[in-house]
Amino acid sequence: MSGIGELAWFKSSYSGSDGDACIEVAQGMQAIHVRDSKDQRSPELALAPAAWDDFVTYAARR
């Protein structure tokens, strides 16, 4: 992991109010980090900015 305490994590405005299916995202210096908001000690996924852009573009069409 890349200094998890150094990252500013946020949840999507689309996250459910019941909190059962949320992810958190943080922008790092060289990657976009994604983790499970219910278990912040779980492994995080680090994506290259181009891969994150591709994912967001794909998800927005669904």
C-alpha atoms as a PDB file:
ATOM      1  CA  MET A   1       0.000   0.000   0.000  1.00  0.00           C
ATOM      2  CA  SER A   2       1.032   3.563  -0.461  1.00  0.00           C
ATOM      3  CA  GLY A   3       0.756   5.395   2.816  1.00  0.00           C
ATOM      4  CA  ILE A   4      -2.936   4.864   3.436  1.00  0.00           C
ATOM      5  CA  GLY A   5      -2.920   7.544   6.143  1.00  0.00           C
ATOM      6  CA  GLU A   6      -1.647  10.129   3.674  1.00  0.00           C
ATOM      7  CA  LEU A   7      -4.565   9.778   1.261  1.00  0.00           C
ATOM      8  CA  ALA A   8      -7.791  11.793   1.425  1.00  0.00           C
ATOM      9  CA  TRP A   9     -10.533   9.183   0.970  1.00  0.00           C
ATOM     10  CA  PHE A  10     -14.077  10.027  -0.155  1.00  0.00           C
ATOM     11  CA  LYS A  11     -17.278   8.150  -0.971  1.00  0.00           C
ATOM     12  CA  SER A  12     -19.347   8.599  -4.089  1.00  0.00           C
ATOM     13  CA  SER A  13     -22.461  10.731  -3.828  1.00  0.00           C
ATOM     14  CA  TYR A  14     -24.218   7.654  -5.273  1.00  0.00           C
ATOM     15  CA  SER A  15     -23.307   5.511  -2.261  1.00  0.00           C
ATOM     16  CA  GLY A  16     -26.348   4.115  -0.507  1.00  0.00           C
ATOM     17  CA  SER A  17     -27.469   5.715   2.727  1.00  0.00           C
ATOM     18  CA  ASP A  18     -27.618   2.307   4.410  1.00  0.00           C
ATOM     19  CA  GLY A  19     -23.850   1.930   3.986  1.00  0.00           C
ATOM     20  CA  ASP A  20     -23.900  -1.683   2.841  1.00  0.00           C
ATOM     21  CA  ALA A  21     -22.286  -1.293  -0.571  1.00  0.00           C
ATOM     22  CA  CYS A  22     -19.800   1.564  -0.515  1.00  0.00           C
ATOM     23  CA  ILE A  23     -16.342   2.074  -1.825  1.00  0.00           C
ATOM     24  CA  GLU A  24     -13.974   4.904  -1.079  1.00  0.00           C
ATOM     25  CA  VAL A  25     -11.626   6.513  -3.577  1.00  0.00           C
ATOM     26  CA  ALA A  26      -8.473   8.570  -3.085  1.00  0.00           C
ATOM     27  CA  GLN A  27      -6.224  10.256  -5.604  1.00  0.00           C
ATOM     28  CA  GLY A  28      -2.561   9.518  -5.033  1.00  0.00           C
ATOM     29  CA  MET A  29       0.481  10.973  -6.731  1.00  0.00           C
ATOM     30  CA  GLN A  30       0.662   8.215  -9.365  1.00  0.00           C
ATOM     31  CA  ALA A  31      -2.524   6.178  -8.914  1.00  0.00           C
ATOM     32  CA  ILE A  32      -6.186   6.258  -8.016  1.00  0.00           C
ATOM     33  CA  HIS A  33      -6.825   4.101  -4.925  1.00  0.00           C
ATOM     34  CA  VAL A  34     -10.052   2.211  -4.228  1.00  0.00           C
ATOM     35  CA  ARG A  35     -11.025   0.373  -1.023  1.00  0.00           C
ATOM     36  CA  ASP A  36     -14.021  -1.082   0.792  1.00  0.00           C
ATOM     37  CA  SER A  37     -15.443   1.599   3.097  1.00  0.00           C
ATOM     38  CA  LYS A  38     -16.734  -1.045   5.533  1.00  0.00           C
ATOM     39  CA  ASP A  39     -13.253  -2.501   6.121  1.00  0.00           C
ATOM     40  CA  GLN A  40     -10.638   0.203   5.734  1.00  0.00           C
ATOM     41  CA  ARG A  41      -7.892  -2.275   6.624  1.00  0.00           C
ATOM     42  CA  SER A  42      -8.745  -4.436   3.617  1.00  0.00           C
ATOM     43  CA  PRO A  43      -6.432  -4.387   0.610  1.00  0.00           C
ATOM     44  CA  GLU A  44      -6.785  -1.414  -1.674  1.00  0.00           C
ATOM     45  CA  LEU A  45      -6.790  -1.423  -5.436  1.00  0.00           C
ATOM     46  CA  ALA A  46      -4.437   1.051  -7.125  1.00  0.00           C
ATOM     47  CA  LEU A  47      -5.215   1.997 -10.717  1.00  0.00           C
ATOM     48  CA  ALA A  48      -3.255   4.060 -13.213  1.00  0.00           C
ATOM     49  CA  PRO A  49      -5.121   7.306 -13.965  1.00  0.00           C
ATOM     50  CA  ALA A  50      -5.835   6.169 -17.552  1.00  0.00           C
ATOM     51  CA  ALA A  51      -7.342   2.887 -16.296  1.00  0.00           C
ATOM     52  CA  TRP A  52      -9.511   4.800 -13.793  1.00  0.00           C
ATOM     53  CA  ASP A  53     -10.717   7.134 -16.567  1.00  0.00           C
ATOM     54  CA  ASP A  54     -11.635   4.118 -18.701  1.00  0.00           C
ATOM     55  CA  PHE A  55     -13.535   2.556 -15.783  1.00  0.00           C
ATOM     56  CA  VAL A  56     -15.463   5.758 -14.995  1.00  0.00           C
ATOM     57  CA  THR A  57     -16.370   6.211 -18.668  1.00  0.00           C
ATOM     58  CA  TYR A  58     -17.613   2.598 -18.845  1.00  0.00           C
ATOM     59  CA  ALA A  59     -19.558   2.830 -15.569  1.00  0.00           C
ATOM     60  CA  ALA A  60     -21.217   6.107 -16.570  1.00  0.00           C
ATOM     61  CA  ARG A  61     -22.768   4.375 -19.581  1.00  0.00           C
ATOM     62  CA  ARG A  62     -24.423   1.685 -17.393  1.00  0.00           C
END
